[in-house]
Protein backbone atom coordinates (compact mmCIF):
# COMPACT_ATOMS: atom_id res chain seq x y z
CA MET A 1 -31.88 80.04 -167.32
CA ARG A 2 -29.16 82.32 -168.65
CA PRO A 3 -26.10 80.70 -170.29
CA ILE A 4 -22.89 80.67 -168.25
CA PRO A 5 -20.29 83.14 -169.62
CA ARG A 6 -17.07 81.67 -171.02
CA LEU A 7 -14.86 83.21 -168.31
CA LEU A 8 -16.97 81.79 -165.48
CA SER A 9 -17.03 78.40 -167.24
CA THR A 10 -13.23 78.45 -167.45
CA LEU A 11 -12.90 79.17 -163.73
CA LEU A 12 -15.28 76.34 -162.89
CA SER A 13 -13.28 73.95 -165.08
CA ALA A 14 -10.11 74.97 -163.26
CA ALA A 15 -11.79 74.23 -159.94
CA PHE A 16 -12.40 70.64 -161.04
CA LEU A 17 -8.97 70.33 -162.64
CA PHE A 18 -6.82 71.09 -159.63
CA PRO A 19 -8.31 68.51 -157.24
CA SER A 20 -7.63 65.89 -159.92
CA LEU A 21 -4.09 67.25 -160.19
CA ALA A 22 -3.62 66.68 -156.47
CA LEU A 23 -4.79 63.09 -156.87
CA ALA A 24 -2.36 62.61 -159.76
CA ILE A 25 0.55 63.52 -157.48
CA GLY A 26 -0.04 60.21 -155.72
CA GLN A 27 -0.47 58.83 -152.23
CA ASN A 28 2.07 59.72 -149.58
CA CYS A 29 4.30 56.62 -149.44
CA GLU A 30 6.59 58.40 -147.00
CA SER A 31 4.10 58.19 -144.17
CA ILE A 32 1.78 55.18 -144.25
CA VAL A 33 0.17 54.48 -140.89
CA ALA A 34 -1.47 51.15 -140.07
CA ASP A 35 -2.74 50.44 -136.56
CA GLY A 36 -0.27 52.87 -134.97
CA ALA A 37 2.78 51.62 -136.93
CA LYS A 38 4.38 53.94 -139.47
CA PHE A 39 5.91 52.63 -142.70
CA ASN A 40 8.07 54.57 -145.14
CA LEU A 41 7.88 53.06 -148.64
CA LYS A 42 9.11 56.11 -150.57
CA ASN A 43 12.19 54.23 -151.81
CA LEU A 44 9.89 51.79 -153.62
CA ASP A 45 8.45 54.63 -155.70
CA GLY A 46 8.83 53.84 -159.40
CA VAL A 47 7.58 51.45 -162.05
CA HIS A 48 7.84 47.71 -161.27
CA SER A 49 6.63 44.74 -163.32
CA VAL A 50 6.12 41.07 -162.58
CA SER A 51 4.78 38.34 -164.86
CA SER A 52 3.01 35.01 -164.82
CA ILE A 53 2.67 32.34 -167.53
CA SER A 54 -0.51 30.28 -167.81
CA THR A 55 -1.98 27.84 -170.29
CA LEU A 56 -4.12 29.20 -173.12
CA PRO A 57 -4.94 26.28 -175.45
CA PRO A 58 -3.43 25.65 -177.88
CA GLY A 59 -0.58 27.79 -176.51
CA LYS A 60 0.38 29.86 -173.48
CA LEU A 61 -0.52 33.26 -172.10
CA ASN A 62 1.83 35.81 -170.54
CA SER A 63 0.29 38.13 -167.96
CA THR A 64 2.39 41.13 -166.97
CA PHE A 65 1.36 43.37 -164.09
CA THR A 66 2.92 46.83 -163.96
CA LEU A 67 2.55 49.05 -160.91
CA ASN A 68 3.72 52.10 -159.04
CA ILE A 69 2.44 52.17 -155.47
CA CYS A 70 3.19 55.87 -154.95
CA ALA A 71 1.97 57.63 -158.09
CA PRO A 72 -0.02 56.99 -161.27
CA LEU A 73 1.76 55.24 -164.11
CA LYS A 74 2.89 57.49 -166.94
CA LYS A 75 1.35 56.63 -170.28
CA PRO A 76 4.01 55.15 -172.60
CA LYS A 77 4.72 56.85 -175.90
CA GLY A 78 4.08 54.84 -179.03
CA PRO A 79 1.34 52.27 -178.28
CA PRO A 80 -2.20 53.21 -179.32
CA LYS A 81 -4.61 54.39 -176.65
CA GLU A 82 -6.48 51.07 -176.52
CA ASP A 83 -3.24 49.20 -175.71
CA THR A 84 -2.54 51.18 -172.51
CA CYS A 85 -4.37 51.78 -169.25
CA ALA A 86 -6.14 55.08 -168.69
CA SER A 87 -4.55 58.04 -166.93
CA GLY A 88 -4.62 57.72 -163.15
CA THR A 89 -3.77 54.00 -163.15
CA TYR A 90 -1.54 52.64 -160.38
CA VAL A 91 -1.72 48.93 -161.30
CA CYS A 92 -2.20 47.76 -164.89
CA GLY A 93 -2.35 44.25 -166.31
CA TYR A 94 -1.38 43.18 -169.84
CA GLU A 95 -2.18 39.75 -171.32
CA GLN A 96 -0.19 38.65 -174.38
CA LYS A 97 -0.13 35.47 -176.40
CA ILE A 98 3.12 33.48 -176.38
CA HIS A 99 4.06 32.07 -179.80
CA GLU A 100 5.52 28.59 -180.28
CA ASP A 101 9.01 30.10 -180.66
CA GLY A 102 8.67 31.75 -177.23
CA THR A 103 8.17 35.31 -178.48
CA LEU A 104 5.34 37.54 -177.30
CA GLU A 105 2.59 38.87 -179.53
CA PRO A 106 3.25 42.66 -179.57
CA LYS A 107 -0.41 43.63 -179.37
CA PRO A 108 -1.93 42.63 -176.01
CA LEU A 109 -5.04 40.49 -175.96
CA SER A 110 -6.37 42.54 -173.06
CA VAL A 111 -5.40 45.61 -171.05
CA ILE A 112 -6.78 45.57 -167.50
CA PRO A 113 -6.95 48.68 -165.27
CA ILE A 114 -6.74 46.99 -161.88
CA ALA A 115 -6.29 49.93 -159.52
CA GLY A 116 -6.26 53.68 -159.95
CA GLU A 117 -7.95 56.99 -159.32
CA TYR A 118 -10.86 57.14 -161.77
CA SER A 119 -13.29 59.22 -159.72
CA LEU A 120 -13.62 61.83 -162.47
CA SER A 121 -14.22 59.24 -165.19
CA ASN A 122 -16.43 56.15 -165.21
CA GLY A 123 -14.48 54.18 -162.63
CA GLY A 124 -14.01 54.27 -158.89
CA ALA A 125 -11.61 55.75 -156.35
CA LEU A 126 -8.20 54.32 -155.45
CA ASP A 127 -9.40 54.06 -151.84
CA PRO A 128 -6.13 52.70 -150.34
CA HIS A 129 -6.50 50.53 -147.26
CA TYR A 130 -3.61 49.43 -145.01
CA THR A 131 -3.36 46.54 -142.56
CA ARG A 132 -0.53 45.93 -140.11
CA LEU A 133 0.26 42.21 -140.27
CA LYS A 134 1.30 41.92 -136.62
CA THR A 135 -2.18 42.94 -135.48
CA SER A 136 -4.12 41.21 -138.26
CA PRO A 137 -6.99 38.94 -137.17
CA SER A 138 -5.39 36.15 -139.21
CA HIS A 139 -3.24 33.85 -137.08
CA ALA A 140 -0.78 33.29 -139.95
CA ASP A 141 -0.41 37.05 -140.52
CA SER A 142 0.11 37.84 -136.83
CA ARG A 143 3.40 35.91 -136.89
CA LEU A 144 4.72 38.16 -139.65
CA GLU A 145 6.04 41.71 -139.73
CA GLY A 146 4.94 44.00 -142.49
CA LEU A 147 2.03 45.71 -144.19
CA ARG A 148 -0.85 44.75 -146.47
CA MET A 149 -1.91 47.39 -148.99
CA GLU A 150 -5.21 47.23 -150.88
CA LEU A 151 -5.79 49.43 -153.93
CA ARG A 152 -9.07 49.65 -155.83
CA GLY A 153 -10.78 51.69 -158.52
CA GLY A 154 -10.37 49.52 -161.62
CA LYS A 155 -13.09 47.81 -163.61
CA TYR A 156 -12.76 45.35 -166.49
CA LEU A 157 -15.64 43.80 -168.45
CA LYS A 158 -18.03 45.35 -165.89
CA LYS A 159 -16.24 43.52 -163.06
CA LYS A 160 -14.52 45.30 -160.17
CA GLN A 161 -10.76 44.93 -159.80
CA LYS A 162 -8.52 45.11 -156.74
CA ALA A 163 -4.79 44.78 -156.01
CA VAL A 164 -3.61 43.34 -152.69
CA ILE A 165 0.11 43.82 -152.07
CA GLU A 166 1.64 42.16 -149.03
CA PHE A 167 4.87 43.85 -147.95
CA LEU A 168 6.91 41.42 -145.83
CA CYS A 169 9.82 42.48 -143.66
CA SER A 170 13.04 41.05 -145.09
CA ARG A 171 16.23 42.28 -143.50
CA ASP A 172 19.62 41.87 -145.15
CA GLY A 173 20.81 38.30 -144.95
CA ASP A 174 18.01 36.91 -142.79
CA ASN A 175 15.03 34.60 -143.41
CA ALA A 176 12.27 36.67 -141.86
CA THR A 177 9.65 35.25 -144.22
CA LYS A 178 10.98 31.68 -144.46
CA GLU A 179 8.17 30.33 -142.30
CA ARG A 180 5.50 31.59 -144.72
CA ASP A 181 7.48 30.31 -147.72
CA ASP A 182 7.79 26.85 -146.19
CA GLU A 183 4.06 26.68 -145.54
CA GLU A 184 3.02 27.73 -149.01
CA GLY A 185 5.86 26.00 -150.86
CA GLU A 186 8.12 28.36 -152.74
CA ASP A 187 8.63 25.91 -155.62
CA LYS A 188 4.90 25.72 -156.19
CA GLY A 189 4.92 29.19 -157.70
CA LYS A 190 7.61 28.31 -160.20
CA ASP A 191 5.59 25.31 -161.43
CA ASN A 192 2.68 27.66 -162.12
CA GLY A 193 4.87 30.05 -164.10
CA GLN A 194 4.99 32.64 -161.33
CA GLU A 195 7.85 35.07 -161.48
CA GLU A 196 9.82 36.76 -158.71
CA VAL A 197 11.82 39.85 -159.68
CA ASP A 198 14.36 42.14 -158.06
CA ASP A 199 12.86 45.53 -157.14
CA GLY A 200 16.17 47.39 -157.48
CA GLN A 201 16.22 48.19 -153.75
CA GLY A 202 17.40 44.84 -152.41
CA GLY A 203 13.91 43.37 -152.22
CA ARG A 204 11.88 40.84 -154.21
CA LEU A 205 8.47 41.30 -155.86
CA LYS A 206 6.47 38.13 -156.55
CA PHE A 207 3.20 37.36 -158.32
CA LEU A 208 0.88 35.15 -156.26
CA SER A 209 -2.49 35.00 -158.01
CA TYR A 210 -5.10 36.79 -160.10
CA ASP A 211 -8.47 35.21 -159.37
CA ASP A 212 -12.14 36.02 -158.90
CA VAL A 213 -13.29 36.54 -155.33
CA GLU A 214 -17.08 36.92 -155.35
CA ASP A 215 -17.85 40.00 -157.48
CA THR A 216 -14.22 41.24 -157.67
CA THR A 217 -11.11 40.02 -159.49
CA VAL A 218 -8.18 40.26 -157.08
CA LEU A 219 -4.49 40.52 -157.95
CA ARG A 220 -2.25 39.33 -155.12
CA LEU A 221 1.42 40.25 -154.96
CA GLN A 222 4.09 39.65 -152.33
CA TRP A 223 6.89 42.15 -151.81
CA LYS A 224 9.79 41.23 -149.54
CA THR A 225 11.65 44.37 -148.56
CA GLU A 226 13.51 45.91 -145.66
CA TYR A 227 11.17 48.92 -145.82
CA ALA A 228 8.34 46.74 -144.51
CA CYS A 229 10.22 46.31 -141.23
CA GLU A 230 8.77 48.47 -138.47
CA ASP A 231 12.26 49.50 -137.33
CA ALA A 232 13.45 50.33 -140.86
CA LYS A 233 15.66 53.38 -141.11
CA ASP A 234 15.16 56.11 -143.69
CA VAL A 235 18.04 55.78 -146.14
CA GLY A 236 17.00 58.63 -148.40
CA GLY A 237 15.56 58.36 -151.88
CA LYS A 238 12.62 59.85 -153.67
CA SER A 239 9.94 61.69 -151.83
CA GLY A 240 6.46 60.24 -151.96
CA GLY A 241 4.38 63.34 -151.15
CA TRP A 242 4.08 67.09 -150.84
CA GLY A 243 5.84 69.13 -148.21
CA PHE A 244 4.39 71.87 -145.99
CA PHE A 245 5.04 74.75 -148.41
CA SER A 246 3.62 72.81 -151.38
CA TRP A 247 0.35 72.23 -149.54
CA PHE A 248 0.38 75.83 -148.22
CA PHE A 249 0.60 77.40 -151.68
CA PHE A 250 -1.85 74.85 -153.08
CA ILE A 251 -4.45 75.79 -150.44
CA ILE A 252 -3.82 79.51 -151.02
CA PHE A 253 -4.31 79.01 -154.75
CA LEU A 254 -7.57 77.10 -154.25
CA SER A 255 -8.81 79.81 -151.88
CA LEU A 256 -8.11 82.53 -154.46
CA LEU A 257 -9.74 80.44 -157.16
CA GLY A 258 -12.82 79.94 -154.99
CA TYR A 259 -12.98 83.68 -154.30
CA LEU A 260 -12.82 84.48 -158.03
CA ILE A 261 -15.51 81.90 -158.87
CA PHE A 262 -17.88 83.10 -156.13
CA GLY A 263 -17.30 86.77 -156.96
CA SER A 264 -17.83 86.15 -160.69
CA TRP A 265 -21.02 84.20 -160.03
CA LEU A 266 -22.29 87.01 -157.78
CA ASN A 267 -21.52 89.73 -160.34
CA TYR A 268 -23.14 87.68 -163.09
CA ASN A 269 -26.38 87.02 -161.23
CA ARG A 270 -26.70 90.37 -159.44
CA TYR A 271 -25.48 92.81 -162.10
CA GLY A 272 -25.54 90.75 -165.32
CA ALA A 273 -21.82 91.44 -165.78
CA ARG A 274 -19.88 90.07 -168.75
CA GLY A 275 -16.22 89.55 -169.64
CA TRP A 276 -13.70 91.25 -167.35
CA ASP A 277 -16.55 92.85 -165.40
CA LEU A 278 -17.35 89.41 -164.03
CA LEU A 279 -14.19 89.30 -161.93
CA PRO A 280 -14.23 90.93 -158.50
CA HIS A 281 -11.96 94.00 -158.52
CA GLY A 282 -11.83 93.66 -162.31
CA ASP A 283 -10.60 97.26 -162.77
CA THR A 284 -7.64 96.61 -160.47
CA ILE A 285 -6.79 93.36 -162.25
CA ARG A 286 -6.86 95.12 -165.63
CA ASP A 287 -4.53 97.80 -164.25
CA VAL A 288 -1.95 95.26 -163.00
CA PRO A 289 0.15 95.32 -166.23
CA TYR A 290 0.31 99.12 -166.14
CA ILE A 291 1.14 99.14 -162.42
CA LEU A 292 3.98 96.69 -163.03
CA GLN A 293 5.18 98.77 -165.98
CA ASP A 294 5.29 101.96 -163.88
CA TRP A 295 7.03 100.12 -161.03
CA PHE A 296 9.65 98.69 -163.39
CA ARG A 297 10.26 102.14 -164.90
CA LYS A 298 10.78 103.66 -161.44
CA VAL A 299 13.26 100.90 -160.55
CA VAL A 300 15.20 101.54 -163.76
CA ASP A 301 15.21 105.32 -163.13
CA THR A 302 16.39 104.77 -159.55
CA VAL A 303 19.25 102.50 -160.66
CA GLN A 304 20.33 104.86 -163.43
CA GLY A 305 20.02 107.88 -161.14
CA GLY A 306 22.34 106.24 -158.61
CA HIS A 307 25.26 106.69 -161.00
CA SER A 308 24.73 110.47 -161.38
CA ARG A 309 26.80 113.04 -159.47
CA GLY A 310 23.99 114.99 -157.79
CA GLY A 311 23.10 116.97 -160.93
CA TYR A 312 26.44 118.83 -161.06
CA SER A 313 28.72 118.54 -164.08
CA ALA A 314 32.48 118.79 -163.95
CA VAL A 315 33.97 122.20 -164.83
């Protein structure tokens, strides 16, 4: 078998790179559809963190879960690679020891990639799954308004990870989720060191649990927000996905890339071409700089000629 030329290898690498780039852009939070109901969570785009404190004899353990539901988390500058989750992570967990004086140990005891797009590495796919609470088989869920989002892909100590985020409708000034809170006991979470934080958009993000369920460790979060209401109005904010023209040019680019790869492969196998000769219409591509140079020169001559007086000089 003949070795693959460097140019063809580069084109093939680009073909694998751009699908991963599309995945890195994130899921479209602006248009999430669950059982016929559409939810717009684009205003929740951004990094959010919530913590929980548990007992770790002889001290305590702080578990912080950082997430962005719309796009992969950006890798922070400064910490070493082993102290951060891999690229493509949407939900990451950090466990840190709490000293007797209440301060946190800077270096985390463990870094847990819970959910993300790791299809091109050794993990799994994000594989988002959405459930409309009103039509959920669960009787308790059917009395609520909102959305349940499940994100996968992570693996820690050879065990699968999953994040389940329950978005509950919470309108300004009402108690839409009071019934659920009364049943579960809102004070119970505080006794277990659970934290509820402001999401910066008028909602509340709360840690519920992080436990093993059969062969998967599941992180459960509750997010009370007006954007989980089915009649929520779009109040602007950050966009969660690509527009028509972005996808149009992306598809055009992939089509051209596919044409170049197929044409190069054909020229290599049929004619044994090398270098620039691999590319289809290689002569034309090599002439592009000269064509542009001639075109630019004509434009300059035309502009300069427009200021002349028809070739006649004043007497």
